[in-house]
Protein backbone atom coordinates (compact mmCIF):
# COMPACT_ATOMS: atom_id res chain seq x y z
CA MET A 1 77.76 61.99 49.43
CA ALA A 2 81.39 62.11 50.50
CA SER A 3 80.77 63.56 53.92
CA ASP A 4 80.28 60.28 55.79
CA PRO A 5 80.42 56.50 55.01
CA ASP A 6 76.91 55.95 56.38
CA VAL A 7 75.51 58.72 54.17
CA TYR A 8 77.11 57.22 51.08
CA GLU A 9 75.92 53.69 51.84
CA ALA A 10 72.36 54.92 52.53
CA MET A 11 72.37 56.87 49.25
CA GLU A 12 73.61 53.81 47.34
CA ALA A 13 70.72 51.75 48.68
CA THR A 14 68.00 54.10 47.37
CA GLU A 15 65.87 53.26 44.33
CA GLU A 16 66.74 56.64 42.80
CA TYR A 17 70.45 55.83 42.84
CA LYS A 18 69.83 52.42 41.31
CA GLU A 19 67.81 54.04 38.53
CA LEU A 20 70.52 56.65 38.00
CA ASP A 21 73.08 53.85 37.80
CA LYS A 22 71.08 52.28 34.96
CA THR A 23 70.26 55.36 32.90
CA CYS A 24 73.29 57.68 33.25
CA PRO A 25 76.32 57.34 30.99
CA THR A 26 79.21 55.47 32.54
CA PHE A 27 81.38 58.53 33.02
CA ILE A 28 78.90 60.21 35.39
CA ASN A 29 78.62 57.07 37.48
CA GLU A 30 82.39 56.54 37.57
CA ILE A 31 83.07 60.11 38.67
CA THR A 32 80.43 59.93 41.39
CA LYS A 33 81.83 56.71 42.80
CA LYS A 34 85.43 57.86 42.50
CA VAL A 35 84.86 61.11 44.40
CA ALA A 36 82.69 59.54 47.07
CA LYS A 37 84.74 56.40 47.68
CA ARG A 38 87.99 58.35 47.82
CA ALA A 39 86.55 60.54 50.55
CA VAL A 40 85.14 57.51 52.36
CA ALA A 41 88.49 55.69 52.24
CA ARG A 42 90.31 58.76 53.50
CA ARG A 43 87.94 59.09 56.42
CA ASN A 44 88.22 55.36 57.22
CA ARG A 45 92.01 55.69 57.34
CA SER A 46 91.72 58.60 59.80
CA PRO A 47 91.92 57.78 63.52
CA SER A 48 88.47 57.42 65.06
CA SER A 49 87.29 59.68 67.82
CA SER A 50 88.59 58.64 71.24
CA SER A 51 89.39 60.10 74.61
CA SER A 52 92.81 61.08 73.30
CA SER A 53 91.25 63.20 70.55
CA ALA A 54 88.48 64.69 72.63
CA ASN A 55 90.40 67.95 73.07
CA ILE A 56 90.84 68.62 69.35
CA GLY A 57 87.79 70.87 69.28
CA THR A 58 86.01 72.35 66.24
CA GLU A 59 88.03 73.98 63.52
CA THR A 60 86.72 77.18 61.98
CA ALA A 61 86.83 78.03 58.30
CA SER A 62 85.62 81.09 56.49
CA VAL A 63 84.60 82.00 52.96
CA SER A 64 84.53 85.26 51.04
CA ARG A 65 83.84 85.89 47.36
CA TYR A 66 85.07 88.49 44.90
CA ASN A 67 82.35 89.68 42.52
CA PRO A 68 83.63 91.38 39.34
CA SER A 69 81.89 94.41 37.88
CA GLU A 70 79.00 93.67 35.55
CA VAL A 71 77.16 95.79 32.99
CA THR A 72 73.47 95.10 32.34
CA PHE A 73 71.08 96.84 29.96
CA GLY A 74 67.31 97.21 30.12
CA THR A 75 64.44 99.29 28.76
CA HIS A 76 61.09 100.41 30.13
CA GLU A 77 58.15 102.38 28.72
CA PHE A 78 55.98 104.42 31.08
CA ARG A 79 52.69 105.36 29.43
CA ILE A 80 50.54 108.03 31.08
CA GLU A 81 46.98 107.74 29.79
CA CYS A 82 44.73 110.83 29.48
CA LEU A 83 47.44 113.32 30.37
CA SER A 84 45.02 116.24 30.65
CA VAL A 85 42.94 114.38 33.24
CA VAL A 86 45.97 113.25 35.22
CA ARG A 87 47.31 116.79 35.26
CA LYS A 88 44.20 117.92 37.17
CA THR A 89 45.00 115.56 40.05
CA HIS A 90 48.83 115.56 39.86
CA GLY A 91 49.52 118.89 38.23
CA ALA A 92 50.96 120.85 41.15
CA PRO A 93 54.74 121.34 41.49
CA GLY A 94 56.26 118.56 43.57
CA GLN A 95 53.52 116.04 42.75
CA SER A 96 54.77 113.00 40.86
CA ILE A 97 53.42 109.95 39.07
CA ARG A 98 55.38 106.74 39.58
CA SER A 99 55.71 103.96 37.02
CA GLY A 100 55.47 100.30 37.84
CA SER A 101 58.68 98.77 39.14
CA PHE A 102 61.04 97.07 36.69
CA GLN A 103 64.28 95.20 37.20
CA VAL A 104 67.63 95.84 35.54
CA GLY A 105 70.97 94.56 36.80
CA GLY A 106 69.37 92.76 39.72
CA HIS A 107 67.88 95.99 41.14
CA ASP A 108 64.31 97.30 41.18
CA TRP A 109 63.73 100.70 39.59
CA ALA A 110 60.87 103.11 38.98
CA ILE A 111 60.38 106.31 36.98
CA ASP A 112 58.91 109.38 38.68
CA VAL A 113 57.38 112.03 36.39
CA TYR A 114 56.60 115.51 37.70
CA LEU A 115 54.11 117.07 35.28
CA SER A 116 54.71 120.60 36.64
CA GLY A 117 58.28 120.32 37.89
CA GLU A 118 59.74 119.01 41.11
CA GLN A 119 60.20 122.54 42.49
CA GLU A 120 57.99 125.63 42.28
CA GLU A 121 60.59 127.46 40.17
CA ASP A 122 60.46 124.64 37.56
CA ARG A 123 56.66 124.51 37.24
CA ASP A 124 56.86 125.19 33.47
CA TYR A 125 58.86 122.00 32.95
CA ILE A 126 58.24 118.28 33.06
CA ALA A 127 60.80 116.58 35.31
CA ILE A 128 61.83 112.93 35.12
CA PHE A 129 63.59 111.11 37.96
CA LEU A 130 64.95 107.58 38.30
CA SER A 131 64.32 105.88 41.66
CA LEU A 132 66.21 102.91 43.08
CA LEU A 133 63.59 101.18 45.20
CA LYS A 134 65.98 99.45 47.61
CA ALA A 135 69.38 100.50 48.94
CA PRO A 136 72.12 98.51 47.16
CA VAL A 137 74.67 96.31 48.91
CA THR A 138 77.47 97.80 46.79
CA ASP A 139 77.77 100.96 44.70
CA VAL A 140 75.67 100.88 41.52
CA LYS A 141 76.58 103.13 38.60
CA VAL A 142 73.68 103.97 36.28
CA SER A 143 73.44 105.68 32.93
CA ALA A 144 69.80 106.38 32.02
CA PHE A 145 68.59 107.71 28.67
CA PHE A 146 65.07 109.16 28.66
CA ARG A 147 63.23 109.84 25.40
CA LEU A 148 59.93 111.27 24.14
CA ASP A 149 58.71 110.58 20.59
CA ASP A 150 56.45 112.98 18.71
CA ARG A 151 53.71 112.10 16.22
CA HIS A 152 56.09 112.51 13.25
CA GLY A 153 58.75 110.05 14.43
CA LYS A 154 61.11 112.67 15.81
CA SER A 155 62.46 112.45 19.35
CA ILE A 156 64.09 114.38 22.14
CA GLY A 157 66.17 112.73 24.80
CA GLN A 158 68.56 113.35 27.65
CA THR A 159 71.03 111.15 29.52
CA LEU A 160 71.76 111.23 33.20
CA THR A 161 74.37 109.33 35.18
CA ASN A 162 74.48 108.65 38.88
CA VAL A 163 76.13 106.39 41.43
CA TYR A 164 73.71 104.95 43.97
CA THR A 165 75.53 104.07 47.18
CA LYS A 166 74.49 101.98 50.15
CA ALA A 167 74.90 104.94 52.46
CA ASP A 168 73.12 107.48 50.26
CA PRO A 169 70.94 106.00 47.46
CA VAL A 170 69.54 109.42 46.47
CA ASP A 171 67.29 109.54 43.41
CA CYS A 172 68.64 111.44 40.42
CA GLY A 173 66.74 113.09 37.63
CA LEU A 174 66.29 115.72 34.96
CA PRO A 175 64.36 118.62 36.55
CA THR A 176 63.93 120.49 33.23
CA PHE A 177 63.56 117.59 30.79
CA THR A 178 61.13 119.47 28.51
CA THR A 179 58.66 122.27 28.82
CA VAL A 180 55.01 121.59 29.54
CA ALA A 181 54.07 123.55 26.41
CA SER A 182 56.39 121.45 24.23
CA ALA A 183 55.03 118.20 25.66
CA ASN A 184 51.43 119.26 25.01
CA SER A 185 52.08 120.44 21.47
CA ARG A 186 54.50 117.76 20.26
CA PHE A 187 54.60 114.62 22.39
CA VAL A 188 51.04 113.95 23.47
CA ALA A 189 49.65 111.21 21.23
CA HIS A 190 46.33 111.39 19.39
CA ASP A 191 44.68 109.45 22.21
CA GLY A 192 45.89 111.99 24.78
CA SER A 193 48.65 109.81 26.28
CA LEU A 194 52.28 110.63 26.98
CA THR A 195 54.91 107.83 26.81
CA VAL A 196 58.32 108.11 28.47
CA HIS A 197 60.93 105.73 27.08
CA CYS A 198 63.80 104.78 29.37
CA ARG A 199 66.97 102.80 28.64
CA LEU A 200 69.23 101.85 31.56
CA GLU A 201 72.86 100.81 31.64
CA VAL A 202 73.57 99.48 35.13
CA THR A 203 77.13 98.80 36.26
CA THR A 204 77.54 96.91 39.51
CA GLU A 205 80.96 97.71 40.95
CA SER A 206 83.38 94.91 41.72
CA CYS A 207 83.59 94.02 45.39
CA THR A 208 84.59 91.37 47.87
CA GLY A 209 81.63 90.12 49.83
CA ASN A 210 81.43 89.72 53.58
CA THR A 211 83.41 86.91 55.13
CA VAL A 212 81.17 84.11 56.31
CA ALA A 213 82.42 81.80 59.06
CA ILE A 214 81.46 78.13 58.99
CA ALA A 215 82.15 75.33 61.44
CA VAL A 216 83.93 72.26 60.13
CA SER A 217 84.94 68.95 61.65
CA PRO A 218 88.57 68.29 62.65
CA VAL A 219 88.95 65.95 59.66
CA PRO A 220 88.58 68.17 56.54
CA VAL A 221 86.39 66.89 53.70
CA PRO A 222 87.66 67.87 50.23
CA PRO A 223 85.25 69.83 48.00
CA SER A 224 83.58 68.14 45.06
CA LYS A 225 85.80 67.81 42.02
CA LEU A 226 82.91 67.22 39.61
CA ALA A 227 83.34 70.45 37.63
CA SER A 228 87.08 69.93 37.17
CA HIS A 229 86.46 66.30 36.19
CA LEU A 230 84.02 67.47 33.53
CA GLU A 231 86.64 69.83 32.13
CA GLU A 232 89.18 67.01 32.13
CA LEU A 233 86.68 64.76 30.34
CA LEU A 234 86.06 67.43 27.71
CA ALA A 235 89.80 67.70 27.10
CA SER A 236 90.53 63.96 27.15
CA GLU A 237 87.23 62.82 25.55
CA LYS A 238 86.88 59.78 27.79
CA GLY A 239 83.61 57.90 27.88
CA TRP A 240 81.96 59.90 25.08
CA ASP A 241 78.87 58.54 23.36
CA VAL A 242 78.10 61.28 20.77
CA LYS A 243 80.27 62.20 17.79
CA PHE A 244 79.82 65.55 16.02
CA LEU A 245 81.21 66.27 12.56
CA VAL A 246 82.05 69.96 12.12
CA GLU A 247 84.13 71.15 9.15
CA GLU A 248 85.09 67.49 8.67
CA SER A 249 86.54 67.46 12.20
CA GLU A 250 85.30 64.83 14.65
CA ILE A 251 84.37 66.28 18.04
CA HIS A 252 83.24 63.98 20.83
CA ALA A 253 80.84 64.73 23.70
CA HIS A 254 78.67 63.03 26.30
CA GLY A 255 75.00 62.77 25.43
CA LEU A 256 73.61 63.30 28.92
CA VAL A 257 75.55 66.54 29.42
CA VAL A 258 74.40 67.84 26.02
CA ALA A 259 70.78 66.88 26.70
CA THR A 260 70.83 68.53 30.13
CA ARG A 261 72.58 71.77 29.15
CA SER A 262 71.33 72.39 25.61
CA PRO A 263 67.98 70.86 24.59
CA ALA A 264 68.33 72.52 21.18
CA LEU A 265 71.63 70.74 20.48
CA HIS A 266 70.14 67.52 21.86
CA GLU A 267 67.33 67.85 19.29
CA LEU A 268 70.01 67.87 16.59
CA VAL A 269 71.50 64.71 18.10
CA GLU A 270 68.09 63.02 18.22
CA SER A 271 67.37 63.89 14.59
CA ALA A 272 70.63 62.30 13.35
CA THR A 273 69.24 58.79 12.93
CA GLY A 274 70.90 56.16 10.77
CA THR A 275 74.42 57.60 11.09
CA ASP A 276 77.16 57.21 13.66
CA TYR A 277 77.80 60.97 13.79
CA VAL A 278 75.88 64.26 14.06
CA ARG A 279 76.72 66.72 11.29
CA VAL A 280 76.72 70.41 12.26
CA ASP A 281 76.54 72.63 9.16
CA ASP A 282 75.37 76.17 8.37
CA GLY A 283 78.86 77.64 8.37
CA MET A 284 79.75 76.53 11.89
CA LYS A 285 83.51 76.52 12.50
CA ALA A 286 85.01 73.65 14.46
CA SER A 287 86.67 76.12 16.83
CA THR A 288 83.30 77.80 17.46
CA PHE A 289 81.58 74.49 18.15
CA LYS A 290 84.35 73.55 20.58
CA ALA A 291 83.69 76.86 22.34
CA VAL A 292 80.00 75.88 22.60
CA LEU A 293 80.93 72.54 24.17
CA HIS A 294 83.36 74.31 26.49
CA PHE A 295 80.49 76.48 27.73
CA ILE A 296 78.11 73.51 28.01
CA TYR A 297 80.60 71.68 30.23
CA THR A 298 81.94 74.59 32.30
CA ASP A 299 79.24 77.34 32.14
CA GLU A 300 81.96 79.77 31.05
CA LEU A 301 83.41 81.02 27.79
CA PRO A 302 86.87 79.86 26.68
CA ARG A 303 89.81 82.27 26.62
CA ILE A 304 88.72 84.56 23.81
CA ASN A 305 92.13 86.09 23.16
CA ASP A 306 93.60 82.65 22.53
CA LEU A 307 90.87 81.84 20.00
CA ALA A 308 91.22 85.22 18.29
CA ALA A 309 94.95 84.62 17.90
CA ILE A 310 94.62 81.26 16.10
CA VAL A 311 91.47 81.74 14.00
CA PRO A 312 92.25 83.49 10.68
CA PHE A 313 89.96 86.25 9.41
CA GLY A 314 90.05 88.56 6.44
CA ALA A 315 92.04 91.76 6.35
CA GLY A 316 90.47 94.68 8.16
CA LYS A 317 88.34 92.51 10.43
CA ASP A 318 88.75 92.68 14.19
CA PRO A 319 89.58 89.09 15.32
CA LEU A 320 88.04 89.42 18.79
CA THR A 321 84.79 90.85 17.43
CA MET A 322 84.57 88.13 14.79
CA VAL A 323 85.27 85.29 17.24
CA VAL A 324 82.76 86.55 19.81
CA GLY A 325 80.28 87.26 17.01
CA GLU A 326 80.48 83.64 15.84
CA MET A 327 80.02 82.40 19.40
CA LEU A 328 77.03 84.75 19.76
CA ALA A 329 75.49 83.24 16.62
CA ALA A 330 76.09 79.72 17.97
CA ALA A 331 74.59 80.64 21.35
CA CYS A 332 71.46 81.96 19.63
CA ARG A 333 71.26 78.88 17.43
CA PHE A 334 71.47 76.44 20.34
CA ARG A 335 69.39 78.67 22.66
CA LEU A 336 72.12 79.07 25.27
CA GLU A 337 70.85 82.22 26.98
CA ARG A 338 73.69 82.69 29.46
CA MET A 339 76.29 82.19 26.73
CA ARG A 340 74.47 84.77 24.61
CA ARG A 341 74.53 87.32 27.42
CA LEU A 342 78.21 86.67 28.11
CA CYS A 343 78.99 87.26 24.43
CA GLU A 344 76.94 90.48 24.41
CA ASN A 345 78.81 91.73 27.47
CA LEU A 346 82.17 90.90 25.88
CA LEU A 347 81.26 92.80 22.73
CA ALA A 348 80.08 95.78 24.78
CA GLU A 349 83.21 95.77 26.96
CA ASN A 350 85.52 95.69 23.93
CA ILE A 351 83.70 98.18 21.71
CA THR A 352 85.93 100.76 20.02
CA PRO A 353 85.41 103.27 17.22
CA GLY A 354 87.12 100.75 14.94
CA ASN A 355 84.71 97.89 15.60
CA ALA A 356 81.56 99.77 16.64
CA LEU A 357 79.81 99.38 13.27
CA ALA A 358 80.64 95.68 13.09
CA THR A 359 79.33 95.19 16.62
CA LEU A 360 76.14 97.09 15.77
CA GLU A 361 75.63 94.90 12.69
CA LEU A 362 76.10 91.74 14.80
CA ALA A 363 73.59 92.96 17.37
CA GLY A 364 70.97 93.71 14.72
CA ARG A 365 71.52 90.43 12.89
CA HIS A 366 70.97 88.33 16.02
CA GLY A 367 68.17 90.41 17.54
CA CYS A 368 70.20 91.62 20.54
CA ALA A 369 68.17 94.76 21.25
CA GLU A 370 70.11 95.81 24.36
CA LEU A 371 73.50 95.48 22.66
CA GLU A 372 72.15 97.31 19.62
CA GLY A 373 70.96 100.18 21.79
CA TYR A 374 74.30 100.30 23.58
CA CYS A 375 76.16 100.51 20.24
CA ILE A 376 73.92 103.32 19.02
CA ALA A 377 74.43 105.25 22.26
CA TYR A 378 78.20 104.71 22.04
CA ILE A 379 78.44 105.77 18.39
CA SER A 380 76.35 108.87 19.16
CA LEU A 381 78.89 110.17 21.68
CA PRO A 382 80.40 113.42 20.33
CA HIS A 383 84.01 112.30 20.83
CA VAL A 384 83.36 108.93 19.16
CA VAL A 385 81.16 109.60 16.14
CA LYS A 386 83.92 111.23 14.05
CA ASP A 387 86.28 108.28 14.52
CA VAL A 388 83.49 105.83 13.73
CA MET A 389 82.62 107.63 10.49
CA LYS A 390 86.24 107.27 9.38
CA THR A 391 85.73 103.49 9.37
CA PHE A 392 82.42 103.60 7.46
CA SER A 393 83.79 103.08 3.94
CA SER A 394 86.07 100.22 4.97
CA PHE A 395 83.21 98.62 6.91
CA CYS A 396 80.97 98.75 3.83
CA ARG A 397 83.73 97.26 1.70
CA ILE A 398 84.21 94.37 4.16
CA GLN A 399 80.47 93.72 4.30
CA ARG A 400 80.34 93.40 0.52
């Protein structure tokens, strides 16, 4: 819109723009016009192209992006039907059965099961390998936990870790996961099937992407300021048309943004007929609701440490865990999936022996299966479990 006067004028003449002008709240329209007309005026003030400026040439700009590390969790079950029949066709050492592909952390994976070992010397064992189906752009660190369940509810499992690199994305595995005899006697189900359970924790390393060169005109066009304007509007509460009442605090917002970003919250607005405000109850704190609006407007969480410092909690409770836990509950309530995942990642990143039980309880309460599995795996670590058990009595007392 702001790239050229003719583009802006042509856009303004369309029926779609006229309809948008009628239906959108005033603040959206004002921002759009302000950004576009400012750029148009700046370009009109610039000297036009002439013979004297013909030698300016094209300016070159470039862009690169830093991607922080990210931890993603996922599970997959590989069920091998009629194991005895399959063993007849894939029972020689070195012969494998591959699962269907599944995606965790933006990468495609598969499980390879060797029913008589990967090597001749391991023919008495069942081997399990994890395959990355495509070479990664950056290093990918993986922690995989494989498990077999017997008919009595007992399990065996092993964890492997590996770093898959762009130069050498070699598969890793457990060549002696369990013996063939043990699998046949304990882990083959009544229908003759064998099920391999896999839980992945994928960490994509932080990196700076490749620099991309782009050609630009001699007169630079400023980038859109829409996102920063939305943040300013959230802070200044200009042009709002919806009023929420949370803990007797009035919090203002813009209906179109709420409707676009959170249909569940918009349903609450629509149901509040006959009043000039929308009451948000069910134990929602005003600070938590403001964090929800912050995410709705910016697609990011607020500064958690600042919130944890000002929100009072009872003695013995970890402020950061409690704040993020309340935001997690709000994200689930208003069906904000990205906010929920961000909260889960924050809880996982900040897990300690002191807050592990509280984090596990939060995960179970809100149905966060991946976070719950991560907490269980963390608590089960030999160097962690003793410290966690020291907090058990105080955790039970706080829960009461």
